[in-house]
């Protein structure tokens, strides 16, 4: 699909599908960053309580 988009020969429908896929990936990346941040916070908090104090 992408070579057609790069060459300017993509239909409006294809471009709409590509934009929707890009938007879906953006949402997924945002969700993953949020989940990772929460997981990191949980690990940090758990380490405070186990006495190691390690922040890796």
PDB file of N, CA and C in Angstrom:
ATOM      1  N   UNK A   1       0.808  -1.199   0.000  1.00  0.00           N
ATOM      2  CA  UNK A   1       0.000   0.000   0.000  1.00  0.00           C
ATOM      3  C   UNK A   1       0.852   1.263   0.000  1.00  0.00           C
ATOM      4  N   UNK A   2       1.898   1.302   0.792  1.00  0.00           N
ATOM      5  CA  UNK A   2       2.661   2.527   0.953  1.00  0.00           C
ATOM      6  C   UNK A   2       3.311   3.035  -0.336  1.00  0.00           C
ATOM      7  N   UNK A   3       3.816   2.157  -1.226  1.00  0.00           N
ATOM      8  CA  UNK A   3       4.380   2.705  -2.467  1.00  0.00           C
ATOM      9  C   UNK A   3       3.361   3.518  -3.265  1.00  0.00           C
ATOM     10  N   UNK A   4       2.095   3.132  -3.225  1.00  0.00           N
ATOM     11  CA  UNK A   4       1.073   3.892  -3.935  1.00  0.00           C
ATOM     12  C   UNK A   4       0.886   5.264  -3.296  1.00  0.00           C
ATOM     13  N   UNK A   5       0.932   5.307  -1.976  1.00  0.00           N
ATOM     14  CA  UNK A   5       0.778   6.580  -1.276  1.00  0.00           C
ATOM     15  C   UNK A   5       1.963   7.489  -1.568  1.00  0.00           C
ATOM     16  N   UNK A   6       3.171   6.917  -1.607  1.00  0.00           N
ATOM     17  CA  UNK A   6       4.378   7.706  -1.861  1.00  0.00           C
ATOM     18  C   UNK A   6       4.407   8.271  -3.280  1.00  0.00           C
ATOM     19  N   UNK A   7       3.842   7.521  -4.220  1.00  0.00           N
ATOM     20  CA  UNK A   7       3.889   7.953  -5.616  1.00  0.00           C
ATOM     21  C   UNK A   7       2.773   8.921  -5.959  1.00  0.00           C
ATOM     22  N   UNK A   8       1.865   9.162  -5.014  1.00  0.00           N
ATOM     23  CA  UNK A   8       0.749  10.055  -5.297  1.00  0.00           C
ATOM     24  C   UNK A   8      -0.389   9.367  -6.017  1.00  0.00           C
ATOM     25  N   UNK A   9      -0.275   8.055  -6.216  1.00  0.00           N
ATOM     26  CA  UNK A   9      -1.305   7.339  -6.944  1.00  0.00           C
ATOM     27  C   UNK A   9      -2.353   6.687  -6.064  1.00  0.00           C
ATOM     28  N   UNK A  10      -2.393   7.046  -4.809  1.00  0.00           N
ATOM     29  CA  UNK A  10      -3.343   6.417  -3.886  1.00  0.00           C
ATOM     30  C   UNK A  10      -4.714   7.054  -4.033  1.00  0.00           C
ATOM     31  N   UNK A  11      -5.709   6.223  -3.906  1.00  0.00           N
ATOM     32  CA  UNK A  11      -7.079   6.720  -3.965  1.00  0.00           C
ATOM     33  C   UNK A  11      -7.424   7.417  -2.650  1.00  0.00           C
ATOM     34  N   UNK A  12      -8.429   8.266  -2.653  1.00  0.00           N
ATOM     35  CA  UNK A  12      -8.867   8.892  -1.399  1.00  0.00           C
ATOM     36  C   UNK A  12      -9.260   7.856  -0.351  1.00  0.00           C
ATOM     37  N   UNK A  13      -9.833   6.753  -0.793  1.00  0.00           N
ATOM     38  CA  UNK A  13     -10.223   5.699   0.146  1.00  0.00           C
ATOM     39  C   UNK A  13      -9.008   5.067   0.808  1.00  0.00           C
ATOM     40  N   UNK A  14      -7.980   4.807   0.012  1.00  0.00           N
ATOM     41  CA  UNK A  14      -6.755   4.232   0.565  1.00  0.00           C
ATOM     42  C   UNK A  14      -6.103   5.204   1.539  1.00  0.00           C
ATOM     43  N   UNK A  15      -6.057   6.468   1.172  1.00  0.00           N
ATOM     44  CA  UNK A  15      -5.478   7.463   2.063  1.00  0.00           C
ATOM     45  C   UNK A  15      -6.259   7.553   3.369  1.00  0.00           C
ATOM     46  N   UNK A  16      -7.559   7.429   3.291  1.00  0.00           N
ATOM     47  CA  UNK A  16      -8.388   7.436   4.503  1.00  0.00           C
ATOM     48  C   UNK A  16      -8.073   6.224   5.379  1.00  0.00           C
ATOM     49  N   UNK A  17      -7.920   5.056   4.763  1.00  0.00           N
ATOM     50  CA  UNK A  17      -7.553   3.860   5.516  1.00  0.00           C
ATOM     51  C   UNK A  17      -6.180   3.997   6.162  1.00  0.00           C
ATOM     52  N   UNK A  18      -5.237   4.545   5.420  1.00  0.00           N
ATOM     53  CA  UNK A  18      -3.894   4.736   5.961  1.00  0.00           C
ATOM     54  C   UNK A  18      -3.906   5.724   7.129  1.00  0.00           C
ATOM     55  N   UNK A  19      -4.654   6.788   6.994  1.00  0.00           N
ATOM     56  CA  UNK A  19      -4.755   7.768   8.081  1.00  0.00           C
ATOM     57  C   UNK A  19      -5.417   7.143   9.310  1.00  0.00           C
ATOM     58  N   UNK A  20      -6.430   6.324   9.097  1.00  0.00           N
ATOM     59  CA  UNK A  20      -7.099   5.656  10.219  1.00  0.00           C
ATOM     60  C   UNK A  20      -6.141   4.694  10.916  1.00  0.00           C
ATOM     61  N   UNK A  21      -5.323   4.000  10.151  1.00  0.00           N
ATOM     62  CA  UNK A  21      -4.346   3.082  10.748  1.00  0.00           C
ATOM     63  C   UNK A  21      -3.304   3.860  11.537  1.00  0.00           C
ATOM     64  N   UNK A  22      -2.845   4.968  10.984  1.00  0.00           N
ATOM     65  CA  UNK A  22      -1.901   5.820  11.706  1.00  0.00           C
ATOM     66  C   UNK A  22      -2.498   6.296  13.030  1.00  0.00           C
ATOM     67  N   UNK A  23      -3.745   6.723  12.990  1.00  0.00           N
ATOM     68  CA  UNK A  23      -4.420   7.199  14.204  1.00  0.00           C
ATOM     69  C   UNK A  23      -4.571   6.075  15.223  1.00  0.00           C
ATOM     70  N   UNK A  24      -4.862   4.866  14.743  1.00  0.00           N
ATOM     71  CA  UNK A  24      -4.986   3.716  15.641  1.00  0.00           C
ATOM     72  C   UNK A  24      -3.643   3.431  16.315  1.00  0.00           C
ATOM     73  N   UNK A  25      -2.573   3.489  15.541  1.00  0.00           N
ATOM     74  CA  UNK A  25      -1.239   3.266  16.107  1.00  0.00           C
ATOM     75  C   UNK A  25      -0.874   4.354  17.116  1.00  0.00           C
ATOM     76  N   UNK A  26      -1.222   5.583  16.823  1.00  0.00           N
ATOM     77  CA  UNK A  26      -0.970   6.672  17.773  1.00  0.00           C
ATOM     78  C   UNK A  26      -1.681   6.423  19.097  1.00  0.00           C
ATOM     79  N   UNK A  27      -2.942   6.006  19.029  1.00  0.00           N
ATOM     80  CA  UNK A  27      -3.698   5.713  20.259  1.00  0.00           C
ATOM     81  C   UNK A  27      -3.070   4.548  21.013  1.00  0.00           C
ATOM     82  N   UNK A  28      -2.666   3.527  20.287  1.00  0.00           N
ATOM     83  CA  UNK A  28      -2.056   2.361  20.924  1.00  0.00           C
ATOM     84  C   UNK A  28      -0.734   2.735  21.596  1.00  0.00           C
ATOM     85  N   UNK A  29       0.072   3.557  20.941  1.00  0.00           N
ATOM     86  CA  UNK A  29       1.338   3.977  21.543  1.00  0.00           C
ATOM     87  C   UNK A  29       1.098   4.815  22.802  1.00  0.00           C
ATOM     88  N   UNK A  30       0.098   5.685  22.763  1.00  0.00           N
ATOM     89  CA  UNK A  30      -0.250   6.476  23.939  1.00  0.00           C
ATOM     90  C   UNK A  30      -0.689   5.568  25.071  1.00  0.00           C
ATOM     91  N   UNK A  31      -1.544   4.596  24.751  1.00  0.00           N
ATOM     92  CA  UNK A  31      -2.010   3.651  25.774  1.00  0.00           C
ATOM     93  C   UNK A  31      -0.846   2.872  26.372  1.00  0.00           C
ATOM     94  N   UNK A  32       0.075   2.420  25.530  1.00  0.00           N
ATOM     95  CA  UNK A  32       1.228   1.657  26.022  1.00  0.00           C
ATOM     96  C   UNK A  32       2.127   2.515  26.909  1.00  0.00           C
ATOM     97  N   UNK A  33       2.334   3.776  26.529  1.00  0.00           N
ATOM     98  CA  UNK A  33       3.135   4.665  27.384  1.00  0.00           C
ATOM     99  C   UNK A  33       2.468   4.847  28.743  1.00  0.00           C
ATOM    100  N   UNK A  34       1.150   4.999  28.753  1.00  0.00           N
ATOM    101  CA  UNK A  34       0.425   5.157  30.015  1.00  0.00           C
ATOM    102  C   UNK A  34       0.536   3.909  30.887  1.00  0.00           C
ATOM    103  N   UNK A  35       0.377   2.754  30.287  1.00  0.00           N
ATOM    104  CA  UNK A  35       0.475   1.498  31.030  1.00  0.00           C
ATOM    105  C   UNK A  35       1.890   1.322  31.574  1.00  0.00           C
ATOM    106  N   UNK A  36       2.889   1.652  30.755  1.00  0.00           N
ATOM    107  CA  UNK A  36       4.275   1.525  31.210  1.00  0.00           C
ATOM    108  C   UNK A  36       4.546   2.462  32.391  1.00  0.00           C
ATOM    109  N   UNK A  37       4.036   3.671  32.299  1.00  0.00           N
ATOM    110  CA  UNK A  37       4.238   4.626  33.386  1.00  0.00           C
ATOM    111  C   UNK A  37       3.599   4.121  34.679  1.00  0.00           C
ATOM    112  N   UNK A  38       2.388   3.591  34.581  1.00  0.00           N
ATOM    113  CA  UNK A  38       1.721   3.051  35.775  1.00  0.00           C
ATOM    114  C   UNK A  38       2.479   1.856  36.338  1.00  0.00           C
ATOM    115  N   UNK A  39       2.968   0.983  35.465  1.00  0.00           N
ATOM    116  CA  UNK A  39       3.742  -0.167  35.909  1.00  0.00           C
ATOM    117  C   UNK A  39       5.019   0.288  36.610  1.00  0.00           C
ATOM    118  N   UNK A  40       5.692   1.252  36.026  1.00  0.00           N
ATOM    119  CA  UNK A  40       6.908   1.790  36.644  1.00  0.00           C
ATOM    120  C   UNK A  40       6.586   2.350  38.036  1.00  0.00           C
ATOM    121  N   UNK A  41       5.490   3.088  38.144  1.00  0.00           N
ATOM    122  CA  UNK A  41       5.098   3.642  39.439  1.00  0.00           C
ATOM    123  C   UNK A  41       4.814   2.539  40.461  1.00  0.00           C
ATOM    124  N   UNK A  42       4.173   1.469  40.031  1.00  0.00           N
ATOM    125  CA  UNK A  42       3.890   0.338  40.929  1.00  0.00           C
ATOM    126  C   UNK A  42       5.188  -0.310  41.399  1.00  0.00           C
ATOM    127  N   UNK A  43       6.115  -0.503  40.475  1.00  0.00           N
ATOM    128  CA  UNK A  43       7.398  -1.115  40.832  1.00  0.00           C
ATOM    129  C   UNK A  43       8.151  -0.214  41.810  1.00  0.00           C
ATOM    130  N   UNK A  44       8.168   1.078  41.519  1.00  0.00           N
ATOM    131  CA  UNK A  44       8.848   2.023  42.399  1.00  0.00           C
ATOM    132  C   UNK A  44       8.247   1.993  43.795  1.00  0.00           C
ATOM    133  N   UNK A  45       6.942   2.007  43.867  1.00  0.00           N
ATOM    134  CA  UNK A  45       6.261   1.980  45.171  1.00  0.00           C
ATOM    135  C   UNK A  45       6.536   0.668  45.905  1.00  0.00           C
ATOM    136  N   UNK A  46       6.505  -0.443  45.190  1.00  0.00           N
ATOM    137  CA  UNK A  46       6.764  -1.748  45.813  1.00  0.00           C
ATOM    138  C   UNK A  46       8.188  -1.822  46.352  1.00  0.00           C
ATOM    139  N   UNK A  47       9.128  -1.240  45.630  1.00  0.00           N
ATOM    140  CA  UNK A  47      10.517  -1.260  46.082  1.00  0.00           C
ATOM    141  C   UNK A  47      10.710  -0.427  47.342  1.00  0.00           C
ATOM    142  N   UNK A  48       9.938   0.617  47.498  1.00  0.00           N
ATOM    143  CA  UNK A  48      10.022   1.428  48.718  1.00  0.00           C
ATOM    144  C   UNK A  48       9.645   0.595  49.937  1.00  0.00           C
ATOM    145  N   UNK A  49       8.739  -0.349  49.730  1.00  0.00           N
ATOM    146  CA  UNK A  49       8.227  -1.156  50.831  1.00  0.00           C
ATOM    147  C   UNK A  49       9.008  -2.446  51.058  1.00  0.00           C
ATOM    148  N   UNK A  50       9.851  -2.849  50.099  1.00  0.00           N
ATOM    149  CA  UNK A  50      10.599  -4.106  50.295  1.00  0.00           C
ATOM    150  C   UNK A  50      11.993  -3.856  50.855  1.00  0.00           C
ATOM    151  N   UNK A  51      12.340  -2.600  51.031  1.00  0.00           N
ATOM    152  CA  UNK A  51      13.602  -2.289  51.669  1.00  0.00           C
ATOM    153  C   UNK A  51      14.787  -2.182  50.733  1.00  0.00           C
ATOM    154  N   UNK A  52      14.601  -2.473  49.420  1.00  0.00           N
ATOM    155  CA  UNK A  52      15.753  -2.398  48.526  1.00  0.00           C
ATOM    156  C   UNK A  52      16.024  -0.956  48.093  1.00  0.00           C
ATOM    157  N   UNK A  53      14.969  -0.210  47.895  1.00  0.00           N
ATOM    158  CA  UNK A  53      15.135   1.172  47.456  1.00  0.00           C
ATOM    159  C   UNK A  53      15.715   1.311  46.074  1.00  0.00           C
ATOM    160  N   UNK A  54      15.908   0.197  45.373  1.00  0.00           N
ATOM    161  CA  UNK A  54      16.475   0.218  44.032  1.00  0.00           C
ATOM    162  C   UNK A  54      15.466   0.836  43.064  1.00  0.00           C
ATOM    163  N   UNK A  55      15.942   1.634  42.129  1.00  0.00           N
ATOM    164  CA  UNK A  55      15.039   2.290  41.201  1.00  0.00           C
ATOM    165  C   UNK A  55      15.263   1.867  39.753  1.00  0.00           C
ATOM    166  N   UNK A  56      15.833   0.710  39.484  1.00  0.00           N
ATOM    167  CA  UNK A  56      16.114   0.301  38.116  1.00  0.00           C
ATOM    168  C   UNK A  56      14.882  -0.010  37.355  1.00  0.00           C
TER     169      UNK A  56
END
